[in-house]
Amino acid sequence: MNEILKYLMTFATEILPVFLPGIIFFALRKKTSWKKFWLVLGLLLPAFIVFRSIQWLVDKNDLEMALEGLFFLALYVSGALIGNFFKTKKVLYVIAVSVIVLLLFFALKWIVYHDSGMQPFAEIVDEPLQDVELDLVQNADYEIEMIQEDAWWNDSRIIAIRERNDSVFYRAAYRMCSAENIDDEGYKHRVKPNIDSSQWVLLNSEKSLIAKSLKNSIEKYEQEYHSDLVWDGYSLNVLLKDYKRKTSRRLDLSNASILGMQGAMAIEKMMLDLMPPRETFTTLSYVEISKKCAEIEKALIQQQENKSDSANE
């Protein structure tokens, strides 16, 4: 059944949008006084298809895509030939039926897309707090920590929020070229940055309200879904420790803004509103940081290779 629905979805999203305009434009061209207008409008789509087909063939040497373009051109011409048989009074019916059919197929597409094409975004982990963590409470009601990093861990911003007796505190830090361990085989292993060296600072009343809204949003966050895979981007990890309930919630919201995940983006925005600007920590551009971190990584790998060579001798 799913295979049939996928074929119908392909028909609705690829074939109908090419076939139906040919019918409509040329039916209107033949039976109305604006013949030249509808003729020019009717020739724009096939001209674009021909242009793209030539581009795929010449610039990208993609014969398969060029042939697909010719197939769409044939569909359009077929629609144009059929359009010449319609009378003007029937054109409105053609348009109405076409719109209804397209809406039905797009609704069908959404159903198939949602059921079989969507993947869960983010990772949500709820678990009880360990006794060791509860021993470090320091009379706090809850604590939130967020780490935002680029794909290569070169540019890391960390912030923690803690509420105690209705007062909200924060501490933030920045890590450039986050530490990595390189094992005996030369593979890198991530070392989580921390903010132990920063002092807690009292938030003003406005930002305290943002922090409390943030806690509520993290607690109520539900699984979102997306259809795209992002192989590069940035990572965003959130940890909420509720000391009163003795529970913790970890959220991996990486690439939320790239994928347009509204719930995750709202959490990210509140965290960034609480976090000091990046310029507070460094004046270096991301390009400059990338170059600097590449040099450090190269030196670490060379050092590891030298150790391996010495051990083999």
C-alpha atoms as a PDB file:
ATOM      1  CA  MET A   1       0.000   0.000   0.000  1.00  0.00           C
ATOM      2  CA  ASN A   2       2.818   2.388   0.855  1.00  0.00           C
ATOM      3  CA  GLU A   3       4.414   1.794  -2.565  1.00  0.00           C
ATOM      4  CA  ILE A   4       1.164   2.764  -4.298  1.00  0.00           C
ATOM      5  CA  LEU A   5       0.932   5.919  -2.203  1.00  0.00           C
ATOM      6  CA  LYS A   6       4.518   6.832  -3.074  1.00  0.00           C
ATOM      7  CA  TYR A   7       3.789   6.451  -6.790  1.00  0.00           C
ATOM      8  CA  LEU A   8       0.716   8.641  -6.405  1.00  0.00           C
ATOM      9  CA  MET A   9       2.806  11.192  -4.501  1.00  0.00           C
ATOM     10  CA  THR A  10       5.361  11.253  -7.343  1.00  0.00           C
ATOM     11  CA  PHE A  11       2.541  11.715  -9.848  1.00  0.00           C
ATOM     12  CA  ALA A  12       1.125  14.625  -7.842  1.00  0.00           C
ATOM     13  CA  THR A  13       4.391  16.452  -7.200  1.00  0.00           C
ATOM     14  CA  GLU A  14       6.284  15.877 -10.473  1.00  0.00           C
ATOM     15  CA  ILE A  15       3.925  14.993 -13.326  1.00  0.00           C
ATOM     16  CA  LEU A  16       0.770  17.029 -12.677  1.00  0.00           C
ATOM     17  CA  PRO A  17       2.595  20.358 -12.120  1.00  0.00           C
ATOM     18  CA  VAL A  18       4.082  19.972 -15.637  1.00  0.00           C
ATOM     19  CA  PHE A  19       1.132  18.380 -17.457  1.00  0.00           C
ATOM     20  CA  LEU A  20      -1.707  20.637 -16.233  1.00  0.00           C
ATOM     21  CA  PRO A  21      -0.149  24.047 -17.073  1.00  0.00           C
ATOM     22  CA  GLY A  22       0.174  22.901 -20.695  1.00  0.00           C
ATOM     23  CA  ILE A  23      -3.561  22.195 -20.831  1.00  0.00           C
ATOM     24  CA  ILE A  24      -4.563  25.452 -19.131  1.00  0.00           C
ATOM     25  CA  PHE A  25      -2.225  27.873 -20.966  1.00  0.00           C
ATOM     26  CA  PHE A  26      -2.996  26.589 -24.453  1.00  0.00           C
ATOM     27  CA  ALA A  27      -6.730  26.267 -23.831  1.00  0.00           C
ATOM     28  CA  LEU A  28      -6.751  29.937 -22.822  1.00  0.00           C
ATOM     29  CA  ARG A  29      -4.453  30.910 -25.721  1.00  0.00           C
ATOM     30  CA  LYS A  30      -6.789  29.421 -28.299  1.00  0.00           C
ATOM     31  CA  LYS A  31     -10.095  30.729 -26.994  1.00  0.00           C
ATOM     32  CA  THR A  32      -9.381  34.188 -25.491  1.00  0.00           C
ATOM     33  CA  SER A  33      -8.446  37.601 -26.889  1.00  0.00           C
ATOM     34  CA  TRP A  34      -5.093  37.604 -24.967  1.00  0.00           C
ATOM     35  CA  LYS A  35      -3.631  35.003 -27.275  1.00  0.00           C
ATOM     36  CA  LYS A  36      -0.087  36.418 -27.343  1.00  0.00           C
ATOM     37  CA  PHE A  37       0.023  36.794 -23.574  1.00  0.00           C
ATOM     38  CA  TRP A  38      -1.000  33.179 -22.947  1.00  0.00           C
ATOM     39  CA  LEU A  39       1.325  31.985 -25.711  1.00  0.00           C
ATOM     40  CA  VAL A  40       4.346  33.714 -24.130  1.00  0.00           C
ATOM     41  CA  LEU A  41       3.336  32.437 -20.695  1.00  0.00           C
ATOM     42  CA  GLY A  42       2.834  28.961 -22.117  1.00  0.00           C
ATOM     43  CA  LEU A  43       6.310  28.908 -23.664  1.00  0.00           C
ATOM     44  CA  LEU A  44       8.201  29.953 -20.521  1.00  0.00           C
ATOM     45  CA  LEU A  45       8.008  26.558 -18.792  1.00  0.00           C
ATOM     46  CA  PRO A  46       9.162  24.450 -21.796  1.00  0.00           C
ATOM     47  CA  ALA A  47      11.942  26.994 -22.455  1.00  0.00           C
ATOM     48  CA  PHE A  48      13.134  26.559 -18.883  1.00  0.00           C
ATOM     49  CA  ILE A  49      12.974  22.759 -19.176  1.00  0.00           C
ATOM     50  CA  VAL A  50      15.055  22.842 -22.381  1.00  0.00           C
ATOM     51  CA  PHE A  51      17.580  25.196 -20.793  1.00  0.00           C
ATOM     52  CA  ARG A  52      17.995  22.978 -17.731  1.00  0.00           C
ATOM     53  CA  SER A  53      18.301  19.837 -19.863  1.00  0.00           C
ATOM     54  CA  ILE A  54      21.106  21.388 -21.912  1.00  0.00           C
ATOM     55  CA  GLN A  55      22.787  22.635 -18.743  1.00  0.00           C
ATOM     56  CA  TRP A  56      22.676  19.162 -17.154  1.00  0.00           C
ATOM     57  CA  LEU A  57      24.079  17.610 -20.317  1.00  0.00           C
ATOM     58  CA  VAL A  58      26.805  20.146 -21.162  1.00  0.00           C
ATOM     59  CA  ASP A  59      27.911  21.536 -17.807  1.00  0.00           C
ATOM     60  CA  LYS A  60      27.402  18.504 -15.575  1.00  0.00           C
ATOM     61  CA  ASN A  61      27.518  15.685 -18.141  1.00  0.00           C
ATOM     62  CA  ASP A  62      24.402  14.243 -16.517  1.00  0.00           C
ATOM     63  CA  LEU A  63      22.608  12.309 -19.263  1.00  0.00           C
ATOM     64  CA  GLU A  64      20.031  10.863 -16.890  1.00  0.00           C
ATOM     65  CA  MET A  65      18.835  14.287 -15.718  1.00  0.00           C
ATOM     66  CA  ALA A  66      18.818  15.574 -19.319  1.00  0.00           C
ATOM     67  CA  LEU A  67      16.581  12.677 -20.389  1.00  0.00           C
ATOM     68  CA  GLU A  68      14.309  13.356 -17.429  1.00  0.00           C
ATOM     69  CA  GLY A  69      14.044  16.951 -18.619  1.00  0.00           C
ATOM     70  CA  LEU A  70      13.004  15.751 -22.086  1.00  0.00           C
ATOM     71  CA  PHE A  71      10.389  13.518 -20.460  1.00  0.00           C
ATOM     72  CA  PHE A  72       8.904  16.533 -18.667  1.00  0.00           C
ATOM     73  CA  LEU A  73       8.978  18.475 -21.925  1.00  0.00           C
ATOM     74  CA  ALA A  74       7.005  15.678 -23.617  1.00  0.00           C
ATOM     75  CA  LEU A  75       4.469  15.801 -20.780  1.00  0.00           C
ATOM     76  CA  TYR A  76       4.045  19.529 -21.224  1.00  0.00           C
ATOM     77  CA  VAL A  77       3.621  19.279 -25.006  1.00  0.00           C
ATOM     78  CA  SER A  78       1.017  16.531 -24.486  1.00  0.00           C
ATOM     79  CA  GLY A  79      -0.878  18.817 -22.133  1.00  0.00           C
ATOM     80  CA  ALA A  80      -0.641  21.679 -24.636  1.00  0.00           C
ATOM     81  CA  LEU A  81      -2.108  19.512 -27.415  1.00  0.00           C
ATOM     82  CA  ILE A  82      -4.989  18.452 -25.172  1.00  0.00           C
ATOM     83  CA  GLY A  83      -5.582  22.070 -24.181  1.00  0.00           C
ATOM     84  CA  ASN A  84      -6.425  22.992 -27.761  1.00  0.00           C
ATOM     85  CA  PHE A  85      -9.589  20.853 -27.584  1.00  0.00           C
ATOM     86  CA  PHE A  86     -11.131  22.737 -24.646  1.00  0.00           C
ATOM     87  CA  LYS A  87     -13.629  25.510 -25.096  1.00  0.00           C
ATOM     88  CA  THR A  88     -13.289  28.730 -23.114  1.00  0.00           C
ATOM     89  CA  LYS A  89     -16.247  28.070 -20.840  1.00  0.00           C
ATOM     90  CA  LYS A  90     -14.741  24.738 -19.867  1.00  0.00           C
ATOM     91  CA  VAL A  91     -11.389  26.241 -18.895  1.00  0.00           C
ATOM     92  CA  LEU A  92     -12.688  27.274 -15.470  1.00  0.00           C
ATOM     93  CA  TYR A  93     -13.819  23.726 -14.866  1.00  0.00           C
ATOM     94  CA  VAL A  94     -10.397  22.457 -15.901  1.00  0.00           C
ATOM     95  CA  ILE A  95      -8.696  24.868 -13.494  1.00  0.00           C
ATOM     96  CA  ALA A  96     -11.084  24.032 -10.652  1.00  0.00           C
ATOM     97  CA  VAL A  97     -10.701  20.283 -11.133  1.00  0.00           C
ATOM     98  CA  SER A  98      -6.926  20.658 -11.464  1.00  0.00           C
ATOM     99  CA  VAL A  99      -6.690  22.598  -8.200  1.00  0.00           C
ATOM    100  CA  ILE A 100      -8.866  20.052  -6.399  1.00  0.00           C
ATOM    101  CA  VAL A 101      -6.819  17.147  -7.732  1.00  0.00           C
ATOM    102  CA  LEU A 102      -3.562  18.831  -6.751  1.00  0.00           C
ATOM    103  CA  LEU A 103      -4.843  19.586  -3.255  1.00  0.00           C
ATOM    104  CA  LEU A 104      -5.953  15.989  -2.809  1.00  0.00           C
ATOM    105  CA  PHE A 105      -2.603  14.664  -3.944  1.00  0.00           C
ATOM    106  CA  PHE A 106      -0.677  17.113  -1.781  1.00  0.00           C
ATOM    107  CA  ALA A 107      -2.784  16.010   1.195  1.00  0.00           C
ATOM    108  CA  LEU A 108      -1.938  12.431   0.288  1.00  0.00           C
ATOM    109  CA  LYS A 109       1.713  13.402   0.022  1.00  0.00           C
ATOM    110  CA  TRP A 110       1.623  14.881   3.523  1.00  0.00           C
ATOM    111  CA  ILE A 111       0.128  11.681   4.933  1.00  0.00           C
ATOM    112  CA  VAL A 112       2.780   9.487   3.291  1.00  0.00           C
ATOM    113  CA  TYR A 113       5.533  11.959   4.087  1.00  0.00           C
ATOM    114  CA  HIS A 114       4.548  12.163   7.728  1.00  0.00           C
ATOM    115  CA  ASP A 115       4.109   8.420   8.202  1.00  0.00           C
ATOM    116  CA  SER A 116       7.062   7.004   6.310  1.00  0.00           C
ATOM    117  CA  GLY A 117       9.367   9.841   5.315  1.00  0.00           C
ATOM    118  CA  MET A 118       9.737  11.728   8.572  1.00  0.00           C
ATOM    119  CA  GLN A 119      12.431  10.945  11.094  1.00  0.00           C
ATOM    120  CA  PRO A 120      12.567  11.892  14.766  1.00  0.00           C
ATOM    121  CA  PHE A 121      14.563  15.040  15.377  1.00  0.00           C
ATOM    122  CA  ALA A 122      16.624  15.425  18.521  1.00  0.00           C
ATOM    123  CA  GLU A 123      17.365  12.992  21.287  1.00  0.00           C
ATOM    124  CA  ILE A 124      15.412  13.152  24.536  1.00  0.00           C
ATOM    125  CA  VAL A 125      16.708  11.298  27.587  1.00  0.00           C
ATOM    126  CA  ASP A 126      14.811  11.414  30.880  1.00  0.00           C
ATOM    127  CA  GLU A 127      16.345   9.696  33.898  1.00  0.00           C
ATOM    128  CA  PRO A 128      16.639  10.043  37.692  1.00  0.00           C
ATOM    129  CA  LEU A 129      19.481  12.028  39.200  1.00  0.00           C
ATOM    130  CA  GLN A 130      22.289  10.071  40.793  1.00  0.00           C
ATOM    131  CA  ASP A 131      23.126  10.508  44.469  1.00  0.00           C
ATOM    132  CA  VAL A 132      26.496  11.986  43.535  1.00  0.00           C
ATOM    133  CA  GLU A 133      24.764  14.747  41.578  1.00  0.00           C
ATOM    134  CA  LEU A 134      22.303  15.440  44.387  1.00  0.00           C
ATOM    135  CA  ASP A 135      25.197  15.924  46.809  1.00  0.00           C
ATOM    136  CA  LEU A 136      26.333  18.922  44.699  1.00  0.00           C
ATOM    137  CA  VAL A 137      22.972  20.705  44.833  1.00  0.00           C
ATOM    138  CA  GLN A 138      24.074  23.615  47.043  1.00  0.00           C
ATOM    139  CA  ASN A 139      20.417  24.418  47.859  1.00  0.00           C
ATOM    140  CA  ALA A 140      19.565  25.003  44.193  1.00  0.00           C
ATOM    141  CA  ASP A 141      16.109  24.230  42.804  1.00  0.00           C
ATOM    142  CA  TYR A 142      17.369  23.330  39.340  1.00  0.00           C
ATOM    143  CA  GLU A 143      20.279  23.805  36.975  1.00  0.00           C
ATOM    144  CA  ILE A 144      20.406  24.082  33.170  1.00  0.00           C
ATOM    145  CA  GLU A 145      23.518  23.719  31.069  1.00  0.00           C
ATOM    146  CA  MET A 146      23.855  24.302  27.339  1.00  0.00           C
ATOM    147  CA  ILE A 147      26.820  23.664  25.049  1.00  0.00           C
ATOM    148  CA  GLN A 148      26.744  25.042  21.517  1.00  0.00           C
ATOM    149  CA  GLU A 149      29.572  24.030  19.182  1.00  0.00           C
ATOM    150  CA  ASP A 150      30.427  24.071  15.515  1.00  0.00           C
ATOM    151  CA  ALA A 151      30.798  20.827  13.568  1.00  0.00           C
ATOM    152  CA  TRP A 152      34.548  20.587  14.283  1.00  0.00           C
ATOM    153  CA  TRP A 153      34.428  21.569  17.993  1.00  0.00           C
ATOM    154  CA  ASN A 154      36.586  24.618  17.306  1.00  0.00           C
ATOM    155  CA  ASP A 155      34.100  27.201  18.553  1.00  0.00           C
ATOM    156  CA  SER A 156      32.305  26.238  21.796  1.00  0.00           C
ATOM    157  CA  ARG A 157      30.032  28.400  23.937  1.00  0.00           C
ATOM    158  CA  ILE A 158      28.842  27.096  27.292  1.00  0.00           C
ATOM    159  CA  ILE A 159      26.343  28.524  29.749  1.00  0.00           C
ATOM    160  CA  ALA A 160      24.790  27.246  32.972  1.00  0.00           C
ATOM    161  CA  ILE A 161      21.697  28.574  34.750  1.00  0.00           C
ATOM    162  CA  ARG A 162      20.889  27.894  38.401  1.00  0.00           C
ATOM    163  CA  GLU A 163      17.912  29.034  40.485  1.00  0.00           C
ATOM    164  CA  ARG A 164      18.054  29.252  44.278  1.00  0.00           C
ATOM    165  CA  ASN A 165      15.449  30.925  46.533  1.00  0.00           C
ATOM    166  CA  ASP A 166      13.782  32.616  43.516  1.00  0.00           C
ATOM    167  CA  SER A 167      17.116  34.156  42.467  1.00  0.00           C
ATOM    168  CA  VAL A 168      18.598  33.020  39.146  1.00  0.00           C
ATOM    169  CA  PHE A 169      22.344  32.905  38.528  1.00  0.00           C
ATOM    170  CA  TYR A 170      24.412  32.085  35.470  1.00  0.00           C
ATOM    171  CA  ARG A 171      27.961  31.431  34.439  1.00  0.00           C
ATOM    172  CA  ALA A 172      29.334  31.208  30.938  1.00  0.00           C
ATOM    173  CA  ALA A 173      32.558  30.299  29.216  1.00  0.00           C
ATOM    174  CA  TYR A 174      34.079  29.973  25.786  1.00  0.00           C
ATOM    175  CA  ARG A 175      36.337  27.202  24.524  1.00  0.00           C
ATOM    176  CA  MET A 176      38.483  27.495  21.416  1.00  0.00           C
ATOM    177  CA  CYS A 177      39.807  24.280  19.866  1.00  0.00           C
ATOM    178  CA  SER A 178      38.069  22.071  22.429  1.00  0.00           C
ATOM    179  CA  ALA A 179      40.300  19.381  23.866  1.00  0.00           C
ATOM    180  CA  GLU A 180      40.557  16.064  22.056  1.00  0.00           C
ATOM    181  CA  ASN A 181      42.116  12.752  22.932  1.00  0.00           C
ATOM    182  CA  ILE A 182      43.910  10.884  20.154  1.00  0.00           C
ATOM    183  CA  ASP A 183      44.175   7.148  20.696  1.00  0.00           C
ATOM    184  CA  ASP A 184      46.950   4.810  19.583  1.00  0.00           C
ATOM    185  CA  GLU A 185      45.318   4.353  16.174  1.00  0.00           C
ATOM    186  CA  GLY A 186      45.078   8.070  15.519  1.00  0.00           C
ATOM    187  CA  TYR A 187      41.335   8.475  16.104  1.00  0.00           C
ATOM    188  CA  LYS A 188      40.038  11.551  17.893  1.00  0.00           C
ATOM    189  CA  HIS A 189      37.719  11.332  20.883  1.00  0.00           C
ATOM    190  CA  ARG A 190      35.678  14.266  22.131  1.00  0.00           C
ATOM    191  CA  VAL A 191      36.429  15.755  25.547  1.00  0.00           C
ATOM    192  CA  LYS A 192      33.464  17.704  26.887  1.00  0.00           C
ATOM    193  CA  PRO A 193      34.239  21.357  27.703  1.00  0.00           C
ATOM    194  CA  ASN A 194      33.306  22.609  31.162  1.00  0.00           C
ATOM    195  CA  ILE A 195      32.677  25.906  32.909  1.00  0.00           C
ATOM    196  CA  ASP A 196      34.143  25.143  36.318  1.00  0.00           C
ATOM    197  CA  SER A 197      36.459  28.124  36.134  1.00  0.00           C
ATOM    198  CA  SER A 198      33.612  30.647  35.846  1.00  0.00           C
ATOM    199  CA  GLN A 199      31.856  32.327  38.761  1.00  0.00           C
ATOM    200  CA  TRP A 200      28.080  32.476  39.252  1.00  0.00           C
ATOM    201  CA  VAL A 201      26.559  35.891  38.418  1.00  0.00           C
ATOM    202  CA  LEU A 202      23.076  37.090  39.407  1.00  0.00           C
ATOM    203  CA  LEU A 203      20.694  37.617  36.469  1.00  0.00           C
ATOM    204  CA  ASN A 204      18.485  40.707  36.320  1.00  0.00           C
ATOM    205  CA  SER A 205      14.707  40.346  36.616  1.00  0.00           C
ATOM    206  CA  GLU A 206      14.092  40.341  32.847  1.00  0.00           C
ATOM    207  CA  LYS A 207      16.560  37.559  32.137  1.00  0.00           C
ATOM    208  CA  SER A 208      15.425  35.636  35.199  1.00  0.00           C
ATOM    209  CA  LEU A 209      11.972  35.393  33.593  1.00  0.00           C
ATOM    210  CA  ILE A 210      13.598  34.090  30.393  1.00  0.00           C
ATOM    211  CA  ALA A 211      15.446  31.463  32.420  1.00  0.00           C
ATOM    212  CA  LYS A 212      12.229  30.284  34.075  1.00  0.00           C
ATOM    213  CA  SER A 213      10.457  30.140  30.691  1.00  0.00           C
ATOM    214  CA  LEU A 214      13.398  28.174  29.380  1.00  0.00           C
ATOM    215  CA  LYS A 215      13.048  25.567  32.124  1.00  0.00           C
ATOM    216  CA  ASN A 216       9.356  25.228  31.344  1.00  0.00           C
ATOM    217  CA  SER A 217      10.053  24.821  27.597  1.00  0.00           C
ATOM    218  CA  ILE A 218      12.669  22.131  28.214  1.00  0.00           C
ATOM    219  CA  GLU A 219      10.292  20.219  30.491  1.00  0.00           C
ATOM    220  CA  LYS A 220       7.450  20.355  27.956  1.00  0.00           C
ATOM    221  CA  TYR A 221       9.534  19.754  24.845  1.00  0.00           C
ATOM    222  CA  GLU A 222       8.096  16.940  22.717  1.00  0.00           C
ATOM    223  CA  GLN A 223       9.609  14.984  19.861  1.00  0.00           C
ATOM    224  CA  GLU A 224       9.736  16.873  16.558  1.00  0.00           C
ATOM    225  CA  TYR A 225      10.164  15.318  13.127  1.00  0.00           C
ATOM    226  CA  HIS A 226      12.059  16.188   9.955  1.00  0.00           C
ATOM    227  CA  SER A 227      12.765  14.642   6.564  1.00  0.00           C
ATOM    228  CA  ASP A 228      16.318  15.848   5.904  1.00  0.00           C
ATOM    229  CA  LEU A 229      19.665  14.515   7.004  1.00  0.00           C
ATOM    230  CA  VAL A 230      22.266  17.119   7.975  1.00  0.00           C
ATOM    231  CA  TRP A 231      25.798  15.769   7.819  1.00  0.00           C
ATOM    232  CA  ASP A 232      27.370  19.039   8.884  1.00  0.00           C
ATOM    233  CA  GLY A 233      26.263  22.003  10.942  1.00  0.00           C
ATOM    234  CA  TYR A 234      26.466  22.636  14.677  1.00  0.00           C
ATOM    235  CA  SER A 235      25.694  20.801  17.884  1.00  0.00           C
ATOM    236  CA  LEU A 236      23.451  22.006  20.685  1.00  0.00           C
ATOM    237  CA  ASN A 237      23.171  19.987  23.890  1.00  0.00           C
ATOM    238  CA  VAL A 238      20.931  20.935  26.794  1.00  0.00           C
ATOM    239  CA  LEU A 239      20.871  19.378  30.255  1.00  0.00           C
ATOM    240  CA  LEU A 240      18.236  20.155  32.890  1.00  0.00           C
ATOM    241  CA  LYS A 241      18.771  18.887  36.431  1.00  0.00           C
ATOM    242  CA  ASP A 242      15.649  19.316  38.565  1.00  0.00           C
ATOM    243  CA  TYR A 243      16.932  18.895  42.104  1.00  0.00           C
ATOM    244  CA  LYS A 244      13.482  19.079  43.684  1.00  0.00           C
ATOM    245  CA  ARG A 245      12.078  16.293  41.523  1.00  0.00           C
ATOM    246  CA  LYS A 246      15.417  14.470  41.477  1.00  0.00           C
ATOM    247  CA  THR A 247      15.220  14.059  37.703  1.00  0.00           C
ATOM    248  CA  SER A 248      17.316  15.078  34.716  1.00  0.00           C
ATOM    249  CA  ARG A 249      16.472  15.677  31.067  1.00  0.00           C
ATOM    250  CA  ARG A 250      19.054  15.750  28.269  1.00  0.00           C
ATOM    251  CA  LEU A 251      18.199  17.170  24.853  1.00  0.00           C
ATOM    252  CA  ASP A 252      20.340  16.959  21.721  1.00  0.00           C
ATOM    253  CA  LEU A 253      18.950  19.768  19.549  1.00  0.00           C
ATOM    254  CA  SER A 254      21.748  19.920  16.976  1.00  0.00           C
ATOM    255  CA  ASN A 255      21.019  21.744  13.695  1.00  0.00           C
ATOM    256  CA  ALA A 256      17.607  22.932  14.877  1.00  0.00           C
ATOM    257  CA  SER A 257      17.713  26.207  12.915  1.00  0.00           C
ATOM    258  CA  ILE A 258      18.988  24.450   9.773  1.00  0.00           C
ATOM    259  CA  LEU A 259      16.049  22.041   9.846  1.00  0.00           C
ATOM    260  CA  GLY A 260      13.512  24.616  11.029  1.00  0.00           C
ATOM    261  CA  MET A 261      12.489  22.787  14.209  1.00  0.00           C
ATOM    262  CA  GLN A 262      10.325  25.391  15.917  1.00  0.00           C
ATOM    263  CA  GLY A 263      10.248  23.942  19.438  1.00  0.00           C
ATOM    264  CA  ALA A 264      14.004  23.366  19.520  1.00  0.00           C
ATOM    265  CA  MET A 265      14.665  26.794  17.972  1.00  0.00           C
ATOM    266  CA  ALA A 266      12.631  28.447  20.739  1.00  0.00           C
ATOM    267  CA  ILE A 267      14.807  26.760  23.380  1.00  0.00           C
ATOM    268  CA  GLU A 268      17.961  27.706  21.483  1.00  0.00           C
ATOM    269  CA  LYS A 269      16.862  31.342  21.201  1.00  0.00           C
ATOM    270  CA  MET A 270      16.204  31.646  24.944  1.00  0.00           C
ATOM    271  CA  MET A 271      19.611  30.157  25.732  1.00  0.00           C
ATOM    272  CA  LEU A 272      21.318  32.576  23.346  1.00  0.00           C
ATOM    273  CA  ASP A 273      19.371  35.476  24.881  1.00  0.00           C
ATOM    274  CA  LEU A 274      20.862  34.521  28.244  1.00  0.00           C
ATOM    275  CA  MET A 275      24.366  33.933  26.923  1.00  0.00           C
ATOM    276  CA  PRO A 276      26.866  36.797  26.588  1.00  0.00           C
ATOM    277  CA  PRO A 277      27.709  37.696  22.960  1.00  0.00           C
ATOM    278  CA  ARG A 278      30.503  35.728  21.336  1.00  0.00           C
ATOM    279  CA  GLU A 279      32.531  38.932  21.026  1.00  0.00           C
ATOM    280  CA  THR A 280      32.710  38.986  24.830  1.00  0.00           C
ATOM    281  CA  PHE A 281      34.984  35.955  24.694  1.00  0.00           C
ATOM    282  CA  THR A 282      36.989  36.363  21.473  1.00  0.00           C
ATOM    283  CA  THR A 283      37.631  38.861  18.689  1.00  0.00           C
ATOM    284  CA  LEU A 284      38.860  36.194  16.274  1.00  0.00           C
ATOM    285  CA  SER A 285      36.707  35.308  13.295  1.00  0.00           C
ATOM    286  CA  TYR A 286      35.614  31.729  12.756  1.00  0.00           C
ATOM    287  CA  VAL A 287      38.016  31.414   9.813  1.00  0.00           C
ATOM    288  CA  GLU A 288      40.939  32.539  11.991  1.00  0.00           C
ATOM    289  CA  ILE A 289      39.933  30.083  14.713  1.00  0.00           C
ATOM    290  CA  SER A 290      39.638  27.241  12.196  1.00  0.00           C
ATOM    291  CA  LYS A 291      43.173  27.870  10.943  1.00  0.00           C
ATOM    292  CA  LYS A 292      44.560  28.034  14.455  1.00  0.00           C
ATOM    293  CA  CYS A 293      42.800  24.833  15.525  1.00  0.00           C
ATOM    294  CA  ALA A 294      43.958  23.024  12.376  1.00  0.00           C
ATOM    295  CA  GLU A 295      47.560  23.813  13.305  1.00  0.00           C
ATOM    296  CA  ILE A 296      47.020  22.513  16.862  1.00  0.00           C
ATOM    297  CA  GLU A 297      45.380  19.337  15.582  1.00  0.00           C
ATOM    298  CA  LYS A 298      48.206  18.757  13.122  1.00  0.00           C
ATOM    299  CA  ALA A 299      50.759  19.128  15.922  1.00  0.00           C
ATOM    300  CA  LEU A 300      48.840  16.678  18.137  1.00  0.00           C
ATOM    301  CA  ILE A 301      48.675  14.069  15.388  1.00  0.00           C
ATOM    302  CA  GLN A 302      52.374  14.516  14.639  1.00  0.00           C
ATOM    303  CA  GLN A 303      53.158  14.110  18.326  1.00  0.00           C
ATOM    304  CA  GLN A 304      51.135  10.894  18.452  1.00  0.00           C
ATOM    305  CA  GLU A 305      52.867   9.551  15.341  1.00  0.00           C
ATOM    306  CA  ASN A 306      56.260  10.281  16.887  1.00  0.00           C
ATOM    307  CA  LYS A 307      55.247   8.340  20.010  1.00  0.00           C
ATOM    308  CA  SER A 308      54.134   5.390  17.876  1.00  0.00           C
ATOM    309  CA  ASP A 309      57.418   5.435  15.928  1.00  0.00           C
ATOM    310  CA  SER A 310      59.423   5.503  19.176  1.00  0.00           C
ATOM    311  CA  ALA A 311      57.433   2.591  20.581  1.00  0.00           C
ATOM    312  CA  ASN A 312      58.053   0.509  17.457  1.00  0.00           C
ATOM    313  CA  GLU A 313      61.805   1.020  17.519  1.00  0.00           C
END
